[in-house]
Amino acid sequence: MTTAVTISERAARRIGEILKSEGDGAKLRISVEGGGCSGFQYKFDIDRAQAEDDLVVARDAAVVLVDPASVPFLAGSEVDFVDDLIGASFRVNNPNATASCGCGTSFSI
């Protein structure tokens, strides 16, 4: 199983903009929690504390942290940024998800 998590060019650009406005040392943390309408949900937070065992994904000015418990759920995923009629948001294209809710924030495996 691959543990790689990638960031699309659009997501990297948007994450970089957000982190720049948050000041030095800010990183985007993506985690998976129980809950949501499909069983698991993605959580996005700004974090300055990087744990020794975090997976660190960097592209351009974007730095994303993933905690070890969330890595298996996100393995092989791509983080993208979409701006469409229903709004702008980060979207995780997760090959492990067998189902997801309509808004794309929760999923099941």
Protein backbone atom coordinates (compact mmCIF):
# COMPACT_ATOMS: atom_id res chain seq x y z
CA MET A 1 0.00 0.00 0.00
CA THR A 2 1.35 3.41 -0.90
CA THR A 3 1.39 6.12 1.76
CA ALA A 4 1.83 8.91 -0.77
CA VAL A 5 -0.55 11.83 -0.51
CA THR A 6 -0.24 14.38 -3.30
CA ILE A 7 -1.33 17.98 -3.71
CA SER A 8 -2.65 19.29 -7.02
CA GLU A 9 -1.29 22.52 -8.46
CA ARG A 10 -4.57 24.35 -7.70
CA ALA A 11 -4.58 23.11 -4.10
CA ALA A 12 -0.92 24.04 -3.61
CA ARG A 13 -1.60 27.57 -4.84
CA ARG A 14 -4.62 28.01 -2.51
CA ILE A 15 -2.88 26.39 0.50
CA GLY A 16 0.12 28.67 -0.09
CA GLU A 17 -2.18 31.74 -0.05
CA ILE A 18 -3.83 30.61 3.19
CA LEU A 19 -0.55 29.79 4.93
CA LYS A 20 0.97 33.12 3.89
CA SER A 21 -1.91 34.95 5.58
CA GLU A 22 -1.45 32.84 8.73
CA GLY A 23 2.18 33.88 9.28
CA ASP A 24 5.47 32.07 9.75
CA GLY A 25 5.43 28.39 10.61
CA ALA A 26 1.82 27.76 9.59
CA LYS A 27 1.03 24.43 7.93
CA LEU A 28 -2.20 22.79 6.82
CA ARG A 29 -3.09 19.68 8.81
CA ILE A 30 -5.43 17.15 7.21
CA SER A 31 -6.83 14.42 9.41
CA VAL A 32 -9.54 11.79 9.27
CA GLU A 33 -12.07 11.53 12.09
CA GLY A 34 -15.01 9.26 12.77
CA GLY A 35 -18.35 10.86 11.98
CA GLY A 36 -20.02 12.54 9.05
CA CYS A 37 -22.91 11.08 7.13
CA SER A 38 -20.75 8.36 5.53
CA GLY A 39 -18.70 7.19 8.55
CA PHE A 40 -15.46 9.20 8.34
CA GLN A 41 -14.86 12.86 7.68
CA TYR A 42 -11.92 14.99 6.59
CA LYS A 43 -10.77 17.74 8.91
CA PHE A 44 -8.64 20.70 7.79
CA ASP A 45 -6.81 22.85 10.36
CA ILE A 46 -3.96 25.34 10.47
CA ASP A 47 -1.20 24.00 12.71
CA ARG A 48 2.23 25.24 13.73
CA ALA A 49 3.23 22.12 15.68
CA GLN A 50 4.70 19.37 13.54
CA ALA A 51 5.03 16.00 15.26
CA GLU A 52 8.07 13.86 14.59
CA ASP A 53 5.93 11.10 13.04
CA ASP A 54 3.73 13.34 10.84
CA LEU A 55 3.71 12.70 7.11
CA VAL A 56 4.87 15.98 5.52
CA VAL A 57 3.75 16.74 1.96
CA ALA A 58 5.18 19.89 0.37
CA ARG A 59 4.57 21.49 -3.00
CA ASP A 60 5.69 25.04 -3.76
CA ALA A 61 4.58 27.19 -0.77
CA ALA A 62 2.12 24.54 0.48
CA VAL A 63 3.04 22.34 3.43
CA VAL A 64 0.53 19.70 4.52
CA LEU A 65 0.79 17.53 7.63
CA VAL A 66 -0.97 14.19 8.09
CA ASP A 67 -0.91 12.40 11.44
CA PRO A 68 0.09 8.70 11.46
CA ALA A 69 -3.44 7.49 12.34
CA SER A 70 -4.89 9.26 9.28
CA VAL A 71 -2.23 8.15 6.76
CA PRO A 72 -3.80 4.72 6.01
CA PHE A 73 -7.16 6.38 5.25
CA LEU A 74 -5.54 8.92 2.92
CA ALA A 75 -2.97 6.64 1.24
CA GLY A 76 -2.85 7.32 -2.49
CA SER A 77 -5.12 10.37 -2.23
CA GLU A 78 -4.80 13.68 -4.02
CA VAL A 79 -5.83 16.93 -2.34
CA ASP A 80 -7.41 19.27 -4.90
CA PHE A 81 -9.06 22.68 -4.75
CA VAL A 82 -12.29 23.25 -6.66
CA ASP A 83 -14.18 26.46 -7.27
CA ASP A 84 -17.57 25.72 -8.81
CA LEU A 85 -21.20 26.78 -8.58
CA ILE A 86 -21.71 25.31 -5.10
CA GLY A 87 -18.62 27.06 -3.72
CA ALA A 88 -14.88 26.81 -3.32
CA SER A 89 -13.41 24.00 -1.23
CA PHE A 90 -10.67 21.47 -0.86
CA ARG A 91 -11.58 18.06 -2.17
CA VAL A 92 -9.79 14.81 -1.36
CA ASN A 93 -9.77 12.37 -4.27
CA ASN A 94 -9.44 9.21 -2.20
CA PRO A 95 -9.05 5.83 -3.95
CA ASN A 96 -9.78 4.06 -0.62
CA ALA A 97 -13.29 5.51 -0.28
CA THR A 98 -16.02 3.11 -1.31
CA ALA A 99 -18.74 5.74 -0.87
CA SER A 100 -18.92 9.43 -0.05
CA CYS A 101 -21.57 11.99 0.76
CA GLY A 102 -22.81 14.46 -1.80
CA CYS A 103 -20.70 17.34 -0.51
CA GLY A 104 -17.51 15.22 -0.46
CA THR A 105 -16.56 15.91 3.16
CA SER A 106 -17.29 12.43 4.49
CA PHE A 107 -16.62 8.95 3.18
CA SER A 108 -16.71 5.26 4.01
CA ILE A 109 -14.21 2.47 3.46
